[in-house]
Amino acid sequence: MSAANALLKAVFARLTGDAVLMALTSGGIVDRLLPRALMPCIVIGELESRDYSTATEKAEEHFLSLEICSDAAGRKQAGEIAERVKTLLDDAALPLANVSLVNLQLRSCRSRREPKARNFIADMRFRAVTE
């Protein structure tokens, strides 16, 4: 899935290229949450890609999950980071290598508290279409 990899690279570049977001996330952007991870951070979660071709055009539909992890005493920090991520990615025109991004939209954002770790998680789900 070269379009999926291109999408991940573009999302990573957009997020890490924003000074405001990087100032909010001392733990940066990671692929997995390590046991003693520096927080707050953004974890690139699940990515599901599907064929979305028509009779005349090749296309893929992608569902990307980003998890904002915070060890602050409440949801506020995770919510502020999620809002910045939304500003950067929702309806963004990201340049992708060898494919075109038709659209990228935030589908949902869910906030929860992890009972064992007592961390707050904002789970953002995006949908992208590439051709």
N, C-alpha and C. Protein backbone atom coordinates (compact mmCIF):
# COMPACT_ATOMS: atom_id res chain seq x y z
N MET A 1 0.83 -1.19 0.00
CA MET A 1 0.00 0.00 0.00
C MET A 1 0.88 1.25 0.00
N SER A 2 1.36 1.63 -1.15
CA SER A 2 2.22 2.80 -1.22
C SER A 2 1.46 4.08 -0.88
N ALA A 3 0.19 4.13 -1.19
CA ALA A 3 -0.60 5.32 -0.84
C ALA A 3 -0.71 5.47 0.67
N ALA A 4 -0.84 4.37 1.38
CA ALA A 4 -0.93 4.42 2.84
C ALA A 4 0.37 4.94 3.44
N ASN A 5 1.50 4.46 2.93
CA ASN A 5 2.79 4.94 3.42
C ASN A 5 3.00 6.41 3.10
N ALA A 6 2.61 6.82 1.92
CA ALA A 6 2.73 8.23 1.54
C ALA A 6 1.86 9.11 2.43
N LEU A 7 0.68 8.61 2.76
CA LEU A 7 -0.22 9.35 3.65
C LEU A 7 0.40 9.49 5.04
N LEU A 8 0.94 8.40 5.57
CA LEU A 8 1.57 8.45 6.89
C LEU A 8 2.75 9.43 6.91
N LYS A 9 3.56 9.40 5.88
CA LYS A 9 4.71 10.33 5.80
C LYS A 9 4.24 11.78 5.78
N ALA A 10 3.20 12.05 5.01
CA ALA A 10 2.69 13.43 4.90
C ALA A 10 2.07 13.90 6.21
N VAL A 11 1.33 13.03 6.88
CA VAL A 11 0.73 13.37 8.17
C VAL A 11 1.82 13.64 9.20
N PHE A 12 2.82 12.76 9.24
CA PHE A 12 3.95 12.92 10.18
C PHE A 12 4.68 14.24 9.91
N ALA A 13 4.93 14.54 8.65
CA ALA A 13 5.62 15.78 8.30
C ALA A 13 4.82 17.01 8.70
N ARG A 14 3.51 16.96 8.47
CA ARG A 14 2.66 18.11 8.83
C ARG A 14 2.68 18.33 10.34
N LEU A 15 2.52 17.25 11.10
CA LEU A 15 2.46 17.38 12.56
C LEU A 15 3.81 17.80 13.15
N THR A 16 4.89 17.16 12.73
CA THR A 16 6.20 17.50 13.30
C THR A 16 6.71 18.85 12.82
N GLY A 17 6.18 19.33 11.71
CA GLY A 17 6.58 20.63 11.19
C GLY A 17 5.90 21.81 11.84
N ASP A 18 4.99 21.55 12.77
CA ASP A 18 4.26 22.64 13.42
C ASP A 18 4.86 22.93 14.79
N ALA A 19 5.43 24.10 14.96
CA ALA A 19 6.10 24.48 16.21
C ALA A 19 5.13 24.52 17.39
N VAL A 20 3.91 24.96 17.16
CA VAL A 20 2.93 25.04 18.25
C VAL A 20 2.61 23.64 18.77
N LEU A 21 2.38 22.69 17.86
CA LEU A 21 2.07 21.32 18.28
C LEU A 21 3.27 20.69 18.99
N MET A 22 4.44 20.91 18.47
CA MET A 22 5.63 20.32 19.08
C MET A 22 5.87 20.90 20.48
N ALA A 23 5.50 22.15 20.69
CA ALA A 23 5.62 22.74 22.03
C ALA A 23 4.59 22.14 22.99
N LEU A 24 3.45 21.72 22.47
CA LEU A 24 2.40 21.10 23.30
C LEU A 24 2.72 19.65 23.66
N THR A 25 3.52 18.98 22.81
CA THR A 25 3.78 17.55 22.99
C THR A 25 5.25 17.31 23.28
N SER A 26 5.60 17.29 24.53
CA SER A 26 7.00 17.08 24.90
C SER A 26 7.48 15.67 24.52
N GLY A 27 6.55 14.73 24.37
CA GLY A 27 6.90 13.37 23.99
C GLY A 27 6.93 13.15 22.49
N GLY A 28 6.54 14.16 21.72
CA GLY A 28 6.57 14.08 20.27
C GLY A 28 5.53 13.15 19.68
N ILE A 29 5.86 12.61 18.50
CA ILE A 29 4.96 11.73 17.76
C ILE A 29 5.65 10.39 17.61
N VAL A 30 4.99 9.32 18.05
CA VAL A 30 5.60 8.00 18.08
C VAL A 30 4.68 6.95 17.45
N ASP A 31 5.27 5.80 17.12
CA ASP A 31 4.49 4.69 16.56
C ASP A 31 3.86 3.80 17.62
N ARG A 32 4.45 3.81 18.81
CA ARG A 32 3.89 3.00 19.90
C ARG A 32 4.24 3.67 21.23
N LEU A 33 3.39 3.42 22.19
CA LEU A 33 3.57 4.00 23.52
C LEU A 33 4.41 3.06 24.37
N LEU A 34 5.60 3.50 24.71
CA LEU A 34 6.49 2.70 25.55
C LEU A 34 6.08 2.81 27.01
N PRO A 35 6.48 1.86 27.86
CA PRO A 35 6.06 1.88 29.27
C PRO A 35 6.37 3.18 30.01
N ARG A 36 7.51 3.78 29.76
CA ARG A 36 7.88 5.03 30.43
C ARG A 36 7.96 6.18 29.44
N ALA A 37 6.99 6.27 28.61
CA ALA A 37 6.99 7.29 27.56
C ALA A 37 6.89 8.69 28.15
N LEU A 38 7.55 9.61 27.48
CA LEU A 38 7.45 11.01 27.85
C LEU A 38 6.11 11.53 27.33
N MET A 39 5.33 12.16 28.20
CA MET A 39 4.01 12.65 27.82
C MET A 39 3.92 14.14 28.07
N PRO A 40 3.04 14.80 27.36
CA PRO A 40 2.07 14.28 26.40
C PRO A 40 2.73 13.91 25.07
N CYS A 41 2.08 12.99 24.37
CA CYS A 41 2.60 12.57 23.07
C CYS A 41 1.43 12.17 22.17
N ILE A 42 1.75 12.02 20.90
CA ILE A 42 0.78 11.55 19.91
C ILE A 42 1.28 10.21 19.40
N VAL A 43 0.41 9.21 19.47
CA VAL A 43 0.75 7.87 18.99
C VAL A 43 0.01 7.64 17.68
N ILE A 44 0.77 7.30 16.64
CA ILE A 44 0.14 6.94 15.38
C ILE A 44 -0.41 5.54 15.56
N GLY A 45 -1.72 5.44 15.54
CA GLY A 45 -2.38 4.17 15.84
C GLY A 45 -2.70 3.38 14.59
N GLU A 46 -3.86 2.81 14.58
CA GLU A 46 -4.31 1.91 13.53
C GLU A 46 -4.49 2.64 12.20
N LEU A 47 -4.11 1.97 11.13
CA LEU A 47 -4.34 2.45 9.77
C LEU A 47 -4.96 1.32 8.97
N GLU A 48 -6.15 1.55 8.49
CA GLU A 48 -6.85 0.57 7.65
C GLU A 48 -7.05 1.17 6.27
N SER A 49 -6.68 0.42 5.24
CA SER A 49 -6.83 0.89 3.86
C SER A 49 -7.70 -0.08 3.10
N ARG A 50 -8.55 0.48 2.23
CA ARG A 50 -9.47 -0.32 1.42
C ARG A 50 -9.45 0.17 -0.03
N ASP A 51 -9.75 -0.75 -0.92
CA ASP A 51 -9.90 -0.36 -2.32
C ASP A 51 -11.14 0.51 -2.45
N TYR A 52 -11.01 1.62 -3.13
CA TYR A 52 -12.11 2.57 -3.31
C TYR A 52 -12.22 2.97 -4.79
N SER A 53 -11.76 2.06 -5.65
CA SER A 53 -11.70 2.35 -7.08
C SER A 53 -13.08 2.38 -7.72
N THR A 54 -13.15 3.13 -8.79
CA THR A 54 -14.35 3.15 -9.62
C THR A 54 -14.03 2.38 -10.90
N ALA A 55 -14.94 2.38 -11.83
CA ALA A 55 -14.69 1.68 -13.09
C ALA A 55 -13.57 2.33 -13.89
N THR A 56 -13.33 3.61 -13.66
CA THR A 56 -12.33 4.33 -14.45
C THR A 56 -11.13 4.83 -13.64
N GLU A 57 -11.24 4.92 -12.34
CA GLU A 57 -10.17 5.49 -11.51
C GLU A 57 -9.76 4.54 -10.39
N LYS A 58 -8.46 4.41 -10.18
CA LYS A 58 -7.94 3.66 -9.04
C LYS A 58 -7.95 4.58 -7.83
N ALA A 59 -8.41 4.09 -6.69
CA ALA A 59 -8.45 4.90 -5.47
C ALA A 59 -8.39 3.99 -4.25
N GLU A 60 -8.02 4.59 -3.13
CA GLU A 60 -8.01 3.90 -1.85
C GLU A 60 -8.65 4.79 -0.80
N GLU A 61 -9.30 4.14 0.14
CA GLU A 61 -9.90 4.82 1.29
C GLU A 61 -9.09 4.38 2.52
N HIS A 62 -8.69 5.34 3.35
CA HIS A 62 -7.85 5.06 4.51
C HIS A 62 -8.51 5.58 5.77
N PHE A 63 -8.43 4.79 6.83
CA PHE A 63 -8.92 5.21 8.14
C PHE A 63 -7.72 5.21 9.09
N LEU A 64 -7.37 6.38 9.58
CA LEU A 64 -6.18 6.56 10.42
C LEU A 64 -6.59 7.00 11.81
N SER A 65 -6.01 6.36 12.80
CA SER A 65 -6.27 6.70 14.19
C SER A 65 -5.03 7.34 14.80
N LEU A 66 -5.21 8.48 15.46
CA LEU A 66 -4.15 9.14 16.21
C LEU A 66 -4.61 9.21 17.66
N GLU A 67 -3.73 8.81 18.57
CA GLU A 67 -4.07 8.83 19.99
C GLU A 67 -3.21 9.88 20.69
N ILE A 68 -3.85 10.84 21.31
CA ILE A 68 -3.14 11.83 22.10
C ILE A 68 -3.14 11.33 23.53
N CYS A 69 -1.96 11.10 24.08
CA CYS A 69 -1.81 10.55 25.43
C CYS A 69 -1.30 11.64 26.36
N SER A 70 -1.98 11.80 27.49
CA SER A 70 -1.61 12.83 28.45
C SER A 70 -1.64 12.25 29.86
N ASP A 71 -0.66 12.63 30.67
CA ASP A 71 -0.65 12.22 32.07
C ASP A 71 -1.03 13.38 32.99
N ALA A 72 -1.63 14.41 32.43
CA ALA A 72 -2.07 15.56 33.21
C ALA A 72 -3.26 15.16 34.09
N ALA A 73 -3.62 16.02 35.02
CA ALA A 73 -4.67 15.71 35.99
C ALA A 73 -6.08 15.75 35.40
N GLY A 74 -6.23 16.15 34.17
CA GLY A 74 -7.56 16.20 33.56
C GLY A 74 -7.47 16.07 32.05
N ARG A 75 -8.61 16.25 31.38
CA ARG A 75 -8.71 16.08 29.94
C ARG A 75 -8.26 17.30 29.14
N LYS A 76 -8.07 18.41 29.82
CA LYS A 76 -7.81 19.68 29.13
C LYS A 76 -6.60 19.60 28.20
N GLN A 77 -5.48 19.08 28.68
CA GLN A 77 -4.26 19.02 27.88
C GLN A 77 -4.47 18.18 26.62
N ALA A 78 -5.05 17.00 26.75
CA ALA A 78 -5.31 16.15 25.59
C ALA A 78 -6.26 16.83 24.62
N GLY A 79 -7.25 17.55 25.15
CA GLY A 79 -8.19 18.27 24.30
C GLY A 79 -7.54 19.40 23.52
N GLU A 80 -6.62 20.12 24.15
CA GLU A 80 -5.92 21.20 23.46
C GLU A 80 -5.05 20.66 22.33
N ILE A 81 -4.39 19.54 22.58
CA ILE A 81 -3.56 18.93 21.54
C ILE A 81 -4.43 18.41 20.41
N ALA A 82 -5.55 17.78 20.74
CA ALA A 82 -6.48 17.28 19.72
C ALA A 82 -7.00 18.42 18.86
N GLU A 83 -7.29 19.55 19.45
CA GLU A 83 -7.77 20.70 18.70
C GLU A 83 -6.71 21.19 17.71
N ARG A 84 -5.45 21.19 18.14
CA ARG A 84 -4.36 21.61 17.25
C ARG A 84 -4.18 20.62 16.10
N VAL A 85 -4.27 19.32 16.41
CA VAL A 85 -4.17 18.30 15.37
C VAL A 85 -5.30 18.46 14.36
N LYS A 86 -6.49 18.74 14.85
CA LYS A 86 -7.64 18.96 13.96
C LYS A 86 -7.38 20.15 13.04
N THR A 87 -6.86 21.23 13.59
CA THR A 87 -6.55 22.41 12.79
C THR A 87 -5.55 22.07 11.69
N LEU A 88 -4.56 21.25 12.00
CA LEU A 88 -3.51 20.91 11.05
C LEU A 88 -3.92 19.89 9.98
N LEU A 89 -4.82 18.97 10.33
CA LEU A 89 -5.12 17.86 9.41
C LEU A 89 -6.50 17.88 8.77
N ASP A 90 -7.50 18.39 9.47
CA ASP A 90 -8.87 18.32 8.94
C ASP A 90 -8.99 19.16 7.66
N ASP A 91 -9.34 18.50 6.58
CA ASP A 91 -9.51 19.12 5.26
C ASP A 91 -8.20 19.70 4.72
N ALA A 92 -7.07 19.14 5.15
CA ALA A 92 -5.76 19.62 4.70
C ALA A 92 -5.43 19.09 3.31
N ALA A 93 -4.71 19.89 2.56
CA ALA A 93 -4.22 19.48 1.24
C ALA A 93 -2.76 19.09 1.38
N LEU A 94 -2.52 17.86 1.79
CA LEU A 94 -1.15 17.40 2.01
C LEU A 94 -0.55 16.88 0.72
N PRO A 95 0.72 17.20 0.47
CA PRO A 95 1.38 16.64 -0.72
C PRO A 95 1.79 15.20 -0.45
N LEU A 96 1.41 14.29 -1.34
CA LEU A 96 1.75 12.87 -1.23
C LEU A 96 2.59 12.46 -2.42
N ALA A 97 3.57 11.61 -2.18
CA ALA A 97 4.44 11.12 -3.26
C ALA A 97 3.69 10.10 -4.11
N ASN A 98 3.66 10.32 -5.41
CA ASN A 98 3.12 9.39 -6.42
C ASN A 98 1.62 9.17 -6.38
N VAL A 99 0.89 9.83 -5.49
CA VAL A 99 -0.57 9.73 -5.45
C VAL A 99 -1.14 11.11 -5.11
N SER A 100 -2.43 11.24 -5.32
CA SER A 100 -3.11 12.50 -4.98
C SER A 100 -4.02 12.27 -3.79
N LEU A 101 -4.03 13.21 -2.87
CA LEU A 101 -4.95 13.17 -1.74
C LEU A 101 -6.22 13.89 -2.15
N VAL A 102 -7.32 13.15 -2.23
CA VAL A 102 -8.60 13.73 -2.62
C VAL A 102 -9.20 14.49 -1.45
N ASN A 103 -9.20 13.87 -0.28
CA ASN A 103 -9.66 14.56 0.93
C ASN A 103 -9.14 13.88 2.18
N LEU A 104 -9.11 14.64 3.26
CA LEU A 104 -8.70 14.15 4.57
C LEU A 104 -9.60 14.85 5.57
N GLN A 105 -10.40 14.06 6.28
CA GLN A 105 -11.37 14.66 7.20
C GLN A 105 -11.38 13.93 8.54
N LEU A 106 -11.55 14.72 9.58
CA LEU A 106 -11.74 14.16 10.91
C LEU A 106 -13.13 13.55 10.98
N ARG A 107 -13.20 12.28 11.33
CA ARG A 107 -14.49 11.59 11.45
C ARG A 107 -15.02 11.60 12.86
N SER A 108 -14.11 11.45 13.86
CA SER A 108 -14.56 11.44 15.25
C SER A 108 -13.39 11.70 16.18
N CYS A 109 -13.72 12.13 17.38
CA CYS A 109 -12.73 12.30 18.43
C CYS A 109 -13.39 11.85 19.73
N ARG A 110 -12.74 10.91 20.40
CA ARG A 110 -13.30 10.34 21.63
C ARG A 110 -12.27 10.50 22.74
N SER A 111 -12.72 10.93 23.89
CA SER A 111 -11.83 11.14 25.03
C SER A 111 -12.15 10.10 26.10
N ARG A 112 -11.08 9.54 26.73
CA ARG A 112 -11.30 8.56 27.78
C ARG A 112 -10.14 8.59 28.76
N ARG A 113 -10.34 7.99 29.90
CA ARG A 113 -9.30 7.87 30.91
C ARG A 113 -8.90 6.40 31.00
N GLU A 114 -7.60 6.13 30.95
CA GLU A 114 -7.09 4.78 31.10
C GLU A 114 -7.11 4.43 32.59
N PRO A 115 -7.91 3.45 33.02
CA PRO A 115 -8.05 3.16 34.45
C PRO A 115 -6.74 2.75 35.14
N LYS A 116 -5.94 1.92 34.53
CA LYS A 116 -4.73 1.44 35.18
C LYS A 116 -3.64 2.51 35.24
N ALA A 117 -3.41 3.18 34.13
CA ALA A 117 -2.34 4.17 34.07
C ALA A 117 -2.80 5.56 34.51
N ARG A 118 -4.10 5.79 34.54
CA ARG A 118 -4.68 7.08 34.89
C ARG A 118 -4.33 8.18 33.89
N ASN A 119 -3.96 7.78 32.69
CA ASN A 119 -3.69 8.73 31.63
C ASN A 119 -4.98 9.06 30.91
N PHE A 120 -5.01 10.23 30.30
CA PHE A 120 -6.14 10.60 29.46
C PHE A 120 -5.74 10.41 28.01
N ILE A 121 -6.66 9.86 27.23
CA ILE A 121 -6.43 9.58 25.82
C ILE A 121 -7.52 10.26 25.00
N ALA A 122 -7.11 10.99 23.98
CA ALA A 122 -8.05 11.52 22.99
C ALA A 122 -7.78 10.73 21.71
N ASP A 123 -8.74 9.94 21.29
CA ASP A 123 -8.60 9.07 20.12
C ASP A 123 -9.26 9.77 18.93
N MET A 124 -8.44 10.18 17.97
CA MET A 124 -8.94 10.88 16.78
C MET A 124 -8.94 9.91 15.60
N ARG A 125 -10.03 9.93 14.84
CA ARG A 125 -10.16 9.03 13.71
C ARG A 125 -10.35 9.87 12.45
N PHE A 126 -9.45 9.69 11.47
CA PHE A 126 -9.50 10.43 10.22
C PHE A 126 -9.81 9.49 9.07
N ARG A 127 -10.45 10.04 8.04
CA ARG A 127 -10.71 9.31 6.79
C ARG A 127 -10.05 10.08 5.66
N ALA A 128 -9.29 9.35 4.84
CA ALA A 128 -8.64 9.95 3.69
C ALA A 128 -8.95 9.13 2.45
N VAL A 129 -9.01 9.80 1.32
CA VAL A 129 -9.18 9.13 0.02
C VAL A 129 -8.01 9.56 -0.86
N THR A 130 -7.36 8.57 -1.47
CA THR A 130 -6.24 8.84 -2.37
C THR A 130 -6.51 8.25 -3.75
N GLU A 131 -5.95 8.89 -4.76
CA GLU A 131 -6.05 8.40 -6.14
C GLU A 131 -4.65 8.30 -6.72
